[in-house]
Protein backbone atom coordinates (compact mmCIF):
# COMPACT_ATOMS: atom_id res chain seq x y z
CA MET A 1 -0.39 21.66 -21.94
CA LEU A 2 2.21 19.81 -19.94
CA THR A 3 4.68 17.54 -21.87
CA ILE A 4 6.10 14.10 -20.85
CA ARG A 5 9.57 15.68 -19.83
CA GLU A 6 7.62 18.58 -18.04
CA THR A 7 5.78 15.78 -16.09
CA PHE A 8 8.78 14.31 -14.72
CA ARG A 9 10.20 17.63 -13.78
CA LEU A 10 6.91 18.32 -12.21
CA LEU A 11 7.04 15.18 -10.01
CA PHE A 12 10.71 15.10 -9.39
CA PRO A 13 11.80 18.76 -9.39
CA ASP A 14 15.20 17.67 -8.17
CA ALA A 15 16.17 14.85 -10.25
CA SER A 16 19.23 14.70 -12.20
CA ARG A 17 19.72 15.85 -15.65
CA GLU A 18 20.19 12.13 -16.92
CA LEU A 19 16.92 11.44 -15.24
CA SER A 20 15.10 14.30 -16.73
CA SER A 21 16.57 13.82 -20.03
CA PHE A 22 15.37 10.18 -19.88
CA SER A 23 18.99 8.67 -20.31
CA GLU A 24 19.03 7.00 -17.04
CA PRO A 25 16.02 5.72 -15.12
CA PRO A 26 15.19 6.27 -11.49
CA VAL A 27 16.61 3.39 -9.30
CA LEU A 28 13.53 3.15 -7.17
CA PRO A 29 10.74 0.95 -8.66
CA ALA A 30 8.28 3.01 -6.80
CA ASP A 31 9.58 6.43 -8.70
CA ILE A 32 8.97 4.62 -11.79
CA PHE A 33 5.44 3.72 -10.70
CA ALA A 34 4.80 7.29 -9.42
CA PHE A 35 5.73 8.66 -13.03
CA ALA A 36 3.80 5.80 -15.21
CA ALA A 37 0.61 5.74 -13.17
CA PHE A 38 0.56 9.62 -12.96
CA VAL A 39 1.41 9.89 -16.77
CA LEU A 40 -1.09 6.87 -17.74
CA GLU A 41 -3.94 8.50 -15.69
CA ALA A 42 -3.53 12.02 -17.05
CA SER A 43 -3.57 11.00 -20.34
CA GLY A 44 -6.31 8.70 -20.23
CA ALA A 45 -4.36 5.65 -21.68
CA TYR A 46 -5.37 3.63 -18.59
CA HIS A 47 -8.67 2.80 -19.94
CA HIS A 48 -7.61 1.42 -23.20
CA VAL A 49 -5.72 -1.39 -21.73
CA VAL A 50 -6.96 -4.86 -21.73
CA PRO A 51 -5.56 -8.33 -21.85
CA ASP A 52 -5.45 -10.23 -25.03
CA THR A 53 -8.34 -12.26 -25.65
CA GLY A 54 -8.15 -12.81 -29.29
CA GLU A 55 -11.58 -11.25 -29.91
CA GLN A 56 -10.49 -7.68 -29.90
CA GLY A 57 -12.40 -5.29 -32.23
CA PRO A 58 -11.14 -2.48 -34.40
CA GLU A 59 -11.23 0.11 -31.29
CA ARG A 60 -8.50 1.98 -29.97
CA GLN A 61 -6.86 -0.51 -27.35
CA ILE A 62 -3.51 -1.25 -25.72
CA VAL A 63 -3.83 -5.08 -25.99
CA VAL A 64 -1.33 -6.93 -23.61
CA ASP A 65 -0.57 -10.37 -24.50
CA ALA A 66 0.95 -13.54 -22.70
CA ASN A 67 4.34 -12.67 -23.83
CA VAL A 68 4.41 -8.96 -22.51
CA ARG A 69 2.93 -9.93 -19.13
CA ALA A 70 5.61 -12.46 -18.69
CA ARG A 71 8.48 -10.11 -19.64
CA ALA A 72 6.91 -7.58 -17.07
CA VAL A 73 6.78 -10.37 -14.63
CA SER A 74 9.97 -12.06 -15.01
CA THR A 75 11.98 -8.56 -15.26
CA GLY A 76 10.13 -7.44 -11.81
CA ARG A 77 11.29 -11.08 -10.13
CA ALA A 78 14.72 -10.66 -11.64
CA TRP A 79 14.93 -6.97 -10.14
CA ARG A 80 13.48 -7.87 -6.94
CA GLN A 81 15.61 -10.76 -6.25
CA SER A 82 18.89 -9.55 -7.29
CA SER A 83 21.55 -9.79 -4.70
CA VAL A 84 22.99 -6.72 -3.44
CA SER A 85 25.65 -5.76 -0.74
CA PRO A 86 24.08 -4.19 2.51
CA GLY A 87 23.05 -0.74 2.02
CA SER A 88 22.87 -0.76 -1.82
CA LEU A 89 19.72 -1.06 -4.14
CA PRO A 90 19.56 -4.01 -7.03
CA LYS A 91 20.76 -2.64 -10.35
CA VAL A 92 18.20 -1.28 -12.65
CA PRO A 93 17.49 -4.18 -15.48
CA GLN A 94 18.82 -3.69 -19.00
CA HIS A 95 15.08 -3.79 -20.42
CA VAL A 96 13.95 -1.06 -18.01
CA HIS A 97 17.11 1.20 -19.03
CA GLU A 98 15.96 0.44 -22.65
CA LEU A 99 11.90 1.41 -22.34
CA TRP A 100 12.99 4.58 -20.33
CA ARG A 101 15.32 5.57 -23.15
CA GLN A 102 12.33 5.23 -25.52
CA LEU A 103 11.00 8.07 -23.97
CA ALA A 104 13.55 10.46 -24.72
CA PRO A 105 12.54 11.03 -28.44
CA VAL A 106 8.99 11.62 -27.46
CA SER A 107 9.74 13.52 -24.16
CA ARG A 108 8.31 16.88 -25.57
CA GLU A 109 4.98 15.20 -26.63
CA PRO A 110 1.95 16.37 -24.80
CA VAL A 111 0.99 13.87 -22.03
CA PHE A 112 -2.82 14.55 -23.04
CA GLN A 113 -3.93 14.39 -26.72
CA ALA A 114 -7.71 14.88 -27.57
CA LEU A 115 -7.56 11.99 -30.23
CA SER A 116 -10.52 11.11 -32.90
CA PRO A 117 -12.08 8.22 -32.48
CA HIS A 118 -10.16 6.42 -35.30
CA ALA A 119 -6.57 7.93 -34.61
CA ASP A 120 -3.78 5.49 -33.47
CA ILE A 121 -2.71 5.23 -29.93
CA PRO A 122 0.67 7.12 -29.25
CA GLY A 123 3.43 4.62 -29.26
CA TRP A 124 4.68 5.81 -25.74
CA TRP A 125 1.40 4.65 -23.88
CA TRP A 126 2.86 0.90 -24.43
CA THR A 127 6.43 2.04 -23.02
CA VAL A 128 4.67 3.74 -19.93
CA LEU A 129 2.51 0.91 -19.41
CA GLU A 130 5.07 -1.85 -19.65
CA LEU A 131 7.32 0.41 -17.32
CA LEU A 132 4.30 0.31 -14.77
CA MET A 133 3.89 -3.41 -14.98
CA ILE A 134 7.53 -4.21 -14.32
CA ALA A 135 7.46 -1.73 -11.46
CA ASP A 136 4.60 -3.17 -9.90
CA GLU A 137 5.83 -6.76 -9.95
CA THR A 138 9.35 -5.63 -8.56
CA SER A 139 7.48 -4.35 -5.51
CA ARG A 140 5.96 -7.43 -4.59
CA ASP A 141 5.70 -7.71 -0.80
CA LEU A 142 6.85 -4.14 -0.48
CA GLY A 143 5.53 -2.65 2.79
CA PHE A 144 4.70 -6.20 4.07
CA ASP A 145 8.17 -7.69 4.08
CA PRO A 146 10.74 -5.68 6.31
CA LYS A 147 13.45 -7.42 4.25
CA ASN A 148 12.20 -6.29 1.05
CA VAL A 149 15.15 -4.35 -0.24
CA PHE A 150 13.33 -1.10 -1.47
CA TYR A 151 11.68 -0.81 1.57
CA GLN A 152 14.92 -0.84 3.38
CA PRO A 153 15.29 3.20 3.28
CA ILE A 154 11.91 3.57 4.74
CA ALA A 155 12.41 0.62 7.26
CA GLU A 156 15.66 2.17 8.66
CA ALA A 157 13.34 4.30 10.73
CA PHE A 158 12.12 1.52 12.78
CA THR A 159 14.80 0.50 14.73
CA GLU A 160 14.96 -1.94 17.62
CA GLY A 161 17.44 0.30 19.58
CA ASP A 162 14.85 3.22 19.78
CA VAL A 163 12.24 1.12 20.99
CA ILE A 164 13.85 -0.89 23.65
CA SER A 165 15.66 2.58 24.76
CA GLY A 166 12.54 3.62 26.08
CA ARG A 167 12.48 6.95 23.87
CA GLU A 168 10.06 8.68 21.83
CA PHE A 169 8.80 6.36 18.88
CA ARG A 170 8.87 9.15 16.43
CA ARG A 171 9.38 6.83 13.50
CA ILE A 172 6.00 5.19 14.38
CA GLN A 173 4.19 8.57 14.75
CA ARG A 174 5.55 9.94 11.52
CA ALA A 175 5.34 6.67 9.66
CA PRO A 176 6.12 7.00 5.89
CA ALA A 177 3.24 8.82 3.71
CA THR A 178 4.97 7.65 0.64
CA VAL A 179 7.38 5.00 -0.68
CA SER A 180 8.31 7.17 -3.92
CA THR A 181 10.92 10.18 -3.81
CA ALA A 182 8.43 11.95 -5.97
CA ASP A 183 7.19 15.41 -4.55
CA PRO A 184 4.56 14.50 -1.93
CA SER A 185 2.59 17.50 -2.69
CA VAL A 186 1.70 16.36 -5.78
CA LEU A 187 1.39 12.56 -5.14
CA CYS A 188 2.14 9.68 -3.04
CA VAL A 189 2.80 6.08 -3.62
CA LEU A 190 2.05 3.66 -0.87
CA PRO A 191 1.96 -0.27 -0.74
CA LYS A 192 -1.19 -1.99 -1.66
CA SER A 193 -3.58 -4.82 -0.67
CA ARG A 194 -6.56 -5.64 -2.77
CA THR A 195 -6.97 -5.16 -6.68
CA PRO A 196 -10.53 -4.08 -7.70
CA SER A 197 -12.55 -6.72 -9.30
CA VAL A 198 -15.11 -4.30 -10.73
CA GLY A 199 -14.35 -1.08 -12.85
CA CYS A 200 -12.00 0.40 -14.96
CA THR A 201 -9.51 2.79 -13.15
CA MET A 202 -6.02 3.21 -12.38
CA ARG A 203 -6.75 1.07 -9.14
CA SER A 204 -7.22 -1.92 -11.38
CA LEU A 205 -3.68 -1.62 -13.00
CA SER A 206 -1.51 -2.69 -10.10
CA HIS A 207 -1.40 -5.50 -7.43
CA HIS A 208 1.61 -4.03 -5.39
CA LEU A 209 1.52 -0.19 -5.41
CA ALA A 210 -1.11 2.36 -5.16
CA LEU A 211 -1.04 5.77 -6.55
CA LEU A 212 -2.69 8.56 -3.80
CA PRO A 213 -3.21 12.17 -3.85
CA GLY A 214 -0.62 14.64 -2.47
CA GLN A 215 -0.55 15.02 1.38
CA GLY A 216 -2.58 18.37 1.06
CA ALA A 217 -5.41 16.64 0.48
CA VAL A 218 -5.01 13.60 2.78
CA ARG A 219 -1.74 12.21 4.45
CA ALA A 220 -1.80 8.25 5.02
CA ARG A 221 0.76 6.91 7.20
CA TRP A 222 1.96 3.10 6.43
CA VAL A 223 2.88 1.66 9.57
CA MET A 224 4.76 -1.31 10.06
CA SER A 225 6.33 -3.31 12.72
CA PRO A 226 9.87 -2.02 14.14
CA PHE A 227 10.46 -6.24 14.69
CA GLY A 228 8.30 -6.94 11.56
CA THR A 229 8.23 -10.55 10.41
CA SER A 230 7.78 -11.67 6.48
CA GLU A 231 5.43 -14.08 7.66
CA ARG A 232 2.43 -13.72 6.27
CA ARG A 233 -0.16 -15.47 8.49
CA PRO A 234 -3.58 -13.93 8.32
CA HIS A 235 -5.20 -16.99 10.24
CA GLY A 236 -8.36 -16.17 12.29
CA LEU A 237 -8.98 -13.05 14.04
CA GLY A 238 -11.50 -12.81 17.24
CA LEU A 239 -12.71 -9.20 18.07
CA LEU A 240 -14.64 -8.09 21.36
CA LEU A 241 -16.95 -5.36 20.35
CA VAL A 242 -18.10 -3.23 23.33
CA PRO A 243 -21.03 -1.20 22.49
CA PHE A 244 -20.60 1.40 25.16
CA PRO A 245 -22.38 3.44 26.16
CA TYR A 246 -25.25 1.47 26.90
CA GLN A 247 -27.54 4.55 27.53
CA ILE A 248 -27.55 8.34 26.32
CA VAL A 249 -29.43 11.12 27.74
CA PRO A 250 -31.00 13.76 25.40
CA GLU A 251 -28.46 16.49 27.61
CA ALA A 252 -25.38 14.62 26.29
CA PHE A 253 -26.15 16.84 23.11
CA VAL A 254 -25.38 20.54 24.12
CA GLY A 255 -26.40 23.39 21.44
CA ILE A 256 -23.72 25.94 21.50
CA GLY A 257 -24.24 28.30 18.64
CA ASP A 258 -27.17 29.56 16.40
CA HIS A 259 -26.68 31.14 13.15
CA ASP A 260 -30.15 33.36 11.95
CA GLY A 261 -32.16 30.57 13.42
CA LYS A 262 -31.69 28.05 10.84
CA TRP A 263 -28.53 26.16 11.96
CA GLY A 264 -26.40 26.01 14.78
CA CYS A 265 -23.68 24.00 16.60
CA PHE A 266 -23.66 20.97 19.08
CA ASP A 267 -21.17 19.42 21.36
CA VAL A 268 -21.28 15.97 22.80
CA ASP A 269 -21.02 15.93 26.92
CA GLN A 270 -20.03 12.24 27.60
CA THR A 271 -22.17 12.06 30.69
CA TRP A 272 -21.76 8.21 30.48
CA LEU A 273 -17.95 8.46 31.79
CA PRO A 274 -16.94 9.08 35.52
CA LYS A 275 -15.27 12.16 36.04
CA HIS A 276 -11.33 12.42 36.02
CA SER A 277 -11.21 12.26 39.66
CA GLU A 278 -13.41 9.23 40.33
CA THR A 279 -10.28 7.18 39.93
CA GLU A 280 -12.38 4.09 41.52
CA ARG A 281 -15.08 4.17 38.94
CA ARG A 282 -12.81 4.52 36.07
CA ARG A 283 -11.00 1.35 37.12
CA VAL A 284 -14.09 -0.47 37.45
CA PHE A 285 -14.86 0.25 33.62
CA VAL A 286 -11.51 -1.11 32.92
CA ASP A 287 -11.87 -4.30 35.02
CA PHE A 288 -15.45 -4.66 33.41
CA VAL A 289 -13.73 -4.71 29.77
CA ARG A 290 -11.00 -7.25 30.89
CA ASN A 291 -13.88 -9.32 33.09
CA LEU A 292 -15.64 -9.49 29.16
CA ILE A 293 -12.11 -10.79 27.46
CA GLN A 294 -11.69 -13.34 30.10
CA LYS A 295 -15.30 -14.47 29.87
CA ALA A 296 -14.68 -14.99 26.30
CA ARG A 297 -11.67 -16.59 26.62
CA ALA A 298 -13.30 -19.23 29.15
CA ALA A 299 -15.65 -19.92 26.42
CA ASP A 300 -12.62 -21.02 24.24
CA LYS A 301 -12.82 -17.71 22.11
CA GLN A 302 -9.97 -16.09 20.58
CA ILE A 303 -10.00 -12.46 21.33
CA ASP A 304 -6.90 -10.74 19.31
CA GLY A 305 -8.59 -7.14 19.34
CA VAL A 306 -10.93 -4.88 21.47
CA VAL A 307 -13.35 -2.14 19.69
CA LEU A 308 -15.33 0.61 21.52
CA PRO A 309 -17.26 3.05 19.22
CA GLU A 310 -17.31 6.70 18.43
CA LEU A 311 -17.18 8.66 21.06
CA SER A 312 -17.21 6.16 23.63
CA LEU A 313 -13.92 7.23 25.85
CA ASP A 314 -11.81 10.22 26.40
CA PHE A 315 -7.93 10.20 26.35
CA PRO A 316 -7.27 9.59 30.01
CA LEU A 317 -9.51 6.40 30.20
CA PHE A 318 -8.14 4.81 26.83
CA ARG A 319 -4.88 5.08 28.01
CA GLN A 320 -5.79 3.18 31.17
CA LEU A 321 -7.46 0.92 29.53
CA ALA A 322 -4.63 0.02 27.31
CA ARG A 323 -2.27 -0.30 29.85
CA ALA A 324 -4.67 -3.28 31.29
CA LEU A 325 -5.19 -4.78 27.88
CA ALA A 326 -1.52 -5.20 27.12
CA GLU A 327 -1.41 -7.50 30.24
CA GLU A 328 -4.11 -9.39 28.58
CA LYS A 329 -2.23 -9.95 25.55
CA VAL A 330 -4.67 -8.67 22.92
CA ASP A 331 -3.32 -7.36 19.58
CA PHE A 332 -4.59 -4.19 19.71
CA LEU A 333 -7.67 -1.41 21.27
CA ILE A 334 -9.55 0.83 19.06
CA SER A 335 -11.85 3.13 20.48
CA GLY A 336 -13.51 6.53 19.67
CA LEU A 337 -12.28 9.25 21.79
CA SER A 338 -13.55 13.07 22.63
CA SER A 339 -9.83 14.33 22.91
CA ASP A 340 -6.48 13.60 21.45
CA ARG A 341 -3.42 13.14 24.05
CA GLU A 342 -2.49 16.80 24.20
CA GLY A 343 -6.34 17.35 25.57
CA ARG A 344 -7.49 18.93 22.19
CA ARG A 345 -11.37 18.36 22.37
CA GLY A 346 -13.21 16.87 19.21
CA ASN A 347 -13.80 13.63 17.54
CA PHE A 348 -10.95 10.98 17.43
CA VAL A 349 -10.00 7.48 16.98
CA ALA A 350 -7.13 5.83 18.56
CA ILE A 351 -5.45 2.77 18.52
CA ALA A 352 -3.08 1.15 20.94
CA PRO A 353 -1.07 -1.26 18.28
CA PHE A 354 0.52 -3.86 20.61
CA PHE A 355 0.71 -6.01 17.35
CA LEU A 356 3.61 -3.73 16.46
CA PHE A 357 5.75 -5.38 18.97
CA GLU A 358 7.55 -8.54 19.72
CA SER A 359 5.96 -8.44 23.36
CA SER A 360 4.37 -5.98 25.85
CA ASP A 361 7.69 -6.23 27.52
CA LYS A 362 8.93 -3.70 25.07
CA ILE A 363 5.92 -1.37 25.58
CA THR A 364 5.63 -0.93 29.18
CA GLY A 365 5.68 2.61 31.27
CA SER A 366 6.00 5.59 29.36
CA GLY A 367 6.89 3.67 25.97
CA LEU A 368 2.96 2.50 25.92
CA GLU A 369 1.58 6.00 25.36
CA GLN A 370 3.89 6.82 22.46
CA VAL A 371 2.83 4.44 20.44
CA PHE A 372 -0.71 5.09 20.28
CA LEU A 373 -1.95 6.52 16.96
CA ILE A 374 -4.49 9.09 17.03
CA ARG A 375 -6.23 11.04 14.14
CA GLU A 376 -9.43 12.96 13.85
CA LYS A 377 -12.58 12.82 12.09
CA HIS A 378 -12.67 14.28 8.38
CA HIS A 379 -16.08 15.53 8.48
CA ARG A 380 -18.78 16.88 10.67
CA TRP A 381 -21.75 15.32 11.70
CA LYS A 382 -25.07 17.37 10.61
CA ILE A 383 -28.20 16.17 13.05
CA THR A 384 -31.51 17.04 11.14
CA GLU A 385 -35.21 17.20 12.23
CA PRO A 386 -35.77 13.39 11.46
CA GLN A 387 -32.74 12.45 13.46
CA ILE A 388 -33.61 14.62 16.34
CA LYS A 389 -37.06 13.05 16.37
CA ALA A 390 -35.94 9.63 16.10
CA TYR A 391 -33.52 9.81 19.07
CA GLY A 392 -35.81 11.81 21.10
CA ILE A 393 -33.46 14.61 21.72
CA ASP A 394 -35.70 17.42 20.76
CA SER A 395 -35.35 18.45 24.58
CA ALA A 396 -31.99 19.44 23.86
CA LEU A 397 -31.66 20.50 20.33
CA SER A 398 -34.79 22.44 18.52
CA ILE A 399 -36.12 20.56 15.46
CA THR A 400 -36.84 24.13 13.66
CA ARG A 401 -32.93 24.14 12.76
CA ASN A 402 -29.90 21.80 11.67
CA TRP A 403 -27.09 21.15 13.98
CA TRP A 404 -23.58 20.86 12.86
CA GLU A 405 -21.03 19.08 15.03
CA HIS A 406 -18.66 21.18 16.53
CA LEU A 407 -15.14 20.55 15.38
CA ASN A 408 -12.29 22.30 14.28
CA ILE A 409 -10.75 19.88 11.19
CA LEU A 410 -7.03 20.69 11.58
CA GLY A 411 -5.64 17.88 9.42
CA ARG A 412 -6.92 14.98 7.46
CA SER A 413 -4.69 11.65 7.82
CA LEU A 414 -5.20 7.96 7.57
CA ASP A 415 -3.46 5.28 9.30
CA LEU A 416 -2.74 2.14 7.58
CA PHE A 417 -1.54 -0.57 9.69
CA VAL A 418 0.42 -3.77 8.72
CA TYR A 419 -1.20 -6.45 10.77
CA ARG A 420 0.19 -10.25 11.01
CA GLY A 421 2.57 -9.82 8.01
CA GLY A 422 -0.37 -9.61 5.54
CA THR A 423 -3.08 -7.93 6.39
CA SER A 424 -3.41 -3.96 6.40
CA LEU A 425 -6.30 -2.60 8.57
CA THR A 426 -7.38 0.80 8.82
CA THR A 427 -10.56 2.75 10.89
CA LEU A 428 -12.94 5.48 9.70
CA ILE A 429 -15.37 7.60 11.98
CA CYS A 430 -19.06 7.60 11.21
CA GLU A 431 -19.29 10.30 8.21
CA ASP A 432 -15.64 9.63 6.79
CA LEU A 433 -17.53 6.29 5.61
CA ALA A 434 -20.25 8.19 3.54
CA ARG A 435 -18.11 10.97 2.31
CA VAL A 436 -16.13 10.23 -0.68
CA ASP A 437 -13.67 12.77 -0.19
CA PRO A 438 -10.82 12.72 1.02
CA CYS A 439 -9.98 9.51 2.70
CA GLN A 440 -11.98 6.98 0.11
CA ALA A 441 -9.21 7.88 -2.79
CA VAL A 442 -6.88 6.48 -0.26
CA LEU A 443 -9.11 3.50 0.72
CA ARG A 444 -9.97 2.58 -2.72
CA SER A 445 -5.92 2.74 -4.13
CA VAL A 446 -4.57 0.78 -1.20
CA GLY A 447 -7.68 -1.61 -0.86
CA PRO A 448 -7.20 -2.27 2.86
CA ASN A 449 -8.05 -5.99 3.74
CA LEU A 450 -10.24 -4.76 7.04
CA VAL A 451 -11.84 -1.52 7.49
CA ILE A 452 -13.54 -1.14 11.19
CA ALA A 453 -16.06 2.12 11.12
CA LEU A 454 -16.85 3.52 14.45
CA LEU A 455 -20.20 5.17 14.59
CA MET A 456 -22.65 6.73 17.03
CA ASP A 457 -25.58 6.15 14.97
CA GLY A 458 -28.88 3.99 15.02
CA PRO A 459 -29.23 0.38 14.47
CA GLN A 460 -26.78 -1.29 11.81
CA LEU A 461 -29.56 -2.47 9.38
CA GLU A 462 -29.26 -3.71 5.65
CA GLY A 463 -31.00 -0.74 4.52
CA ARG A 464 -29.49 2.13 6.20
CA TRP A 465 -26.45 4.38 5.20
CA PRO A 466 -23.81 2.28 6.68
CA ALA A 467 -24.87 -1.05 4.78
CA ARG A 468 -24.69 1.05 1.62
CA TYR A 469 -21.38 2.84 1.62
CA ALA A 470 -20.03 -0.44 3.21
CA THR A 471 -20.88 -2.36 0.03
CA VAL A 472 -19.37 0.17 -1.86
CA LEU A 473 -16.18 -0.52 -0.55
CA ALA A 474 -16.54 -4.38 -0.24
CA GLU A 475 -17.21 -4.12 -4.02
CA ASP A 476 -14.18 -1.55 -4.87
CA PRO A 477 -11.87 -2.22 -3.70
CA GLY A 478 -12.73 -5.50 -1.95
CA SER A 479 -12.30 -4.51 1.77
CA SER A 480 -14.30 -6.37 4.45
CA VAL A 481 -15.96 -3.56 6.23
CA LEU A 482 -17.07 -3.61 10.06
CA THR A 483 -19.65 -0.81 11.01
CA PHE A 484 -19.97 -0.67 14.81
CA THR A 485 -22.17 1.82 16.95
CA SER A 486 -23.00 2.04 20.77
CA LEU A 487 -26.23 0.99 22.10
CA GLY A 488 -27.05 4.38 23.47
CA LEU A 489 -28.78 5.93 20.44
CA ILE A 490 -30.24 2.44 19.34
CA GLU A 491 -32.19 2.41 22.98
CA ARG A 492 -33.50 5.86 22.20
CA GLN A 493 -34.94 4.93 19.23
CA ASN A 494 -36.31 2.00 20.66
CA ALA A 495 -38.08 3.79 23.38
CA SER A 496 -39.70 5.94 21.03
CA LYS A 497 -41.71 3.23 19.30
CA ALA A 498 -41.91 4.89 16.00
CA PHE A 499 -39.34 2.17 14.57
CA PRO A 500 -39.29 -1.87 14.95
CA GLN A 501 -37.35 -2.65 17.70
CA SER A 502 -33.41 -3.53 17.37
CA SER A 503 -30.38 -4.49 19.06
CA SER A 504 -28.35 -4.40 16.03
CA VAL A 505 -25.10 -2.68 17.21
CA ALA A 506 -22.76 -3.79 14.05
CA LEU A 507 -22.90 -4.95 10.56
CA TRP A 508 -20.25 -6.92 8.78
CA LYS A 509 -20.10 -6.73 4.94
CA ASP A 510 -17.54 -8.90 3.05
CA GLU A 511 -16.79 -9.59 -0.82
CA ALA A 512 -17.52 -13.31 -0.63
CA ASN A 513 -20.56 -13.59 1.69
CA GLY A 514 -22.49 -10.35 1.67
CA VAL A 515 -23.70 -8.59 4.97
CA ARG A 516 -24.19 -9.75 8.27
CA ARG A 517 -25.98 -8.17 11.02
CA LEU A 518 -24.80 -8.50 14.80
CA GLU A 519 -27.03 -7.97 17.08
CA LEU A 520 -26.68 -7.65 21.00
CA PRO A 521 -28.28 -10.51 22.68
CA ARG A 522 -30.47 -9.83 25.76
CA ASN A 523 -28.43 -9.68 28.92
CA ALA A 524 -25.28 -9.36 26.92
CA ASP A 525 -22.73 -6.69 27.09
CA ALA A 526 -20.55 -7.16 24.31
CA ILE A 527 -20.28 -9.28 20.79
CA TYR A 528 -17.51 -11.87 19.88
CA LEU A 529 -16.88 -11.54 16.34
CA ALA A 530 -14.76 -14.70 14.40
CA LEU A 531 -13.32 -13.88 11.23
CA THR A 532 -11.32 -16.24 8.86
CA ALA A 533 -8.91 -15.37 6.17
CA ASP A 534 -10.01 -16.45 2.55
CA GLN A 535 -7.04 -16.40 -0.12
CA LYS A 536 -8.14 -15.08 -3.36
CA THR A 537 -6.45 -14.69 -6.57
CA GLU A 538 -6.83 -11.14 -8.27
CA HIS A 539 -5.77 -9.84 -12.02
CA THR A 540 -5.15 -6.50 -13.26
CA LEU A 541 -6.59 -4.68 -16.50
CA ASP A 542 -3.83 -6.20 -18.25
CA GLY A 543 -4.17 -9.63 -17.38
CA ARG A 544 -1.40 -10.11 -14.45
CA SER A 545 -2.52 -12.69 -11.89
CA ASP A 546 -1.39 -12.40 -8.35
CA ASP A 547 -0.99 -15.99 -7.90
CA ALA A 548 -3.43 -15.71 -4.95
CA TYR A 549 -1.20 -13.24 -2.99
CA SER A 550 -4.14 -11.17 -1.60
CA HIS A 551 -6.62 -12.32 1.11
CA ARG A 552 -10.10 -11.08 2.34
CA TRP A 553 -11.46 -11.53 5.81
CA VAL A 554 -14.97 -13.50 5.88
CA TYR A 555 -17.46 -13.50 8.68
CA ALA A 556 -17.23 -16.87 10.65
CA ASP A 557 -19.44 -16.53 13.81
CA HIS A 558 -20.44 -14.27 16.59
CA MET A 559 -22.21 -14.51 19.94
CA GLY A 560 -23.09 -12.55 22.96
CA ILE A 561 -20.77 -12.16 25.69
CA ALA A 562 -21.77 -11.27 29.25
CA ALA A 563 -19.70 -9.93 32.15
CA ASP A 564 -19.87 -11.45 35.75
CA PRO A 565 -22.70 -9.37 37.60
CA GLN A 566 -20.06 -8.08 40.11
CA ALA A 567 -18.14 -6.79 37.14
CA LYS A 568 -20.86 -4.36 35.94
CA PRO A 569 -22.12 -2.09 38.88
CA SER A 570 -25.29 -0.29 37.77
CA TRP A 571 -23.84 3.21 37.15
CA LEU A 572 -21.96 1.42 34.22
CA LEU A 573 -25.18 0.69 32.65
CA SER A 574 -26.90 4.32 33.03
CA ALA A 575 -26.72 7.07 31.02
CA ARG A 576 -25.58 9.63 33.69
CA VAL A 577 -22.77 8.35 35.87
CA ASP A 578 -23.42 11.48 38.22
CA GLN A 579 -26.98 9.95 39.19
């Protein structure tokens, strides 16, 4: 069984003898957090933690009183606010030194012990818990404020010189997967947005740092602006949801394999897209989206982001659209893609994060494409007989077998963006929302304020699977979730007349107000969704408050947006561009 000392050496194999003997503590709060969180979880100590209410029973508990909380908060604040010379780290507080040294005499004890119901709590549990509390309090604003002194070693990668010189933005593409020096194959530590208000997990023990699995399971990238601001201004947010493609033909689903007549693979042929050589039609599509933005703004609606569903575009058209939207001064473009920038076929989500830069002038020319972040889907879509019948695609895929999406899953990653100084934003692709492993471990630990899930699915209704899984994330960790699909499969299901008619292309779920169905009005081509930021006070298992540091995005309004008739030729709304 691992001892406390062996655990430290597992996490920090290259640590000095002073560190591994517990005579000197790590200088980074995130390293102390990594060790303390790992030990508290491995030992099972975390679920014994309760705040002092004066009513605790005789059962085994780690009771955290107001004095311990106040000491952790004040020690963390003093450590965080210590004045230092440029390039240096603040001096580790004396109290942290004392706590760390308390682990030396017990360093050969096993991390996990099977305790009898009436056994006393190992004394080192209190020590490790207080170290975690202090490290968490010290890390307030880490990952959100570029001036945070403990983020400086990471933030040095985001230099203005690299960006304006036009060189590849390697530091954005390789954004940090951890803010700790612990072995990333064992665990990672990232900044955190939301603390769950339900449950009793390690996630409930911290406000500002998240314990994540090693990079072999999933690699999360924490993406901050090279020109980041410390201003936390999560004011109103306006999204334009374009549910393209509007029609899908059965032939878009192409069977490409068979295994014993029981299952096969399928690919998706984007028959709704103009061919690469049809430059005029591709330009018309870009102009169509721009027209939707202009129509919404003419109605005095704020458009900050444009979102298209799963597999709606290919990479060349995404790039063309992004160049145009940079001129429209939107903050970001998110879309599902059928290929990545190298031309590899698959199922991807891409974001053009214009908000990472002070102005679009810094991302013109070749620089624009280099800031796109693209990741692949984590799970394959399995189409079964009920779906084949519901979507009327039995002429393309036989109902006698199951069909798996033809994907090579080369890596699993998740991009977490710091938006407007205070919001963390991420995206999911269809099955990624439904499957617990591996990305939901990251989602629940970090607690992004806003999750946008791109789908190729039927109507987004309260009783269907996207709503169920969005509800899980809205409860724990408290993320606001948008599920969004194209109109194409909804129209196929409507045509079958076997289900109630629907035009619900999106579903919004937030912790405060529950579910809101977003239906595309007749004659509308897109939906404008308005959100507002609701400040919220959260508490950890030990009773620490975040002093209303966190916020959640809540529904404010939505309406349909129609493009000018001349901006949408008939082929754009058809299922096959070549007809």
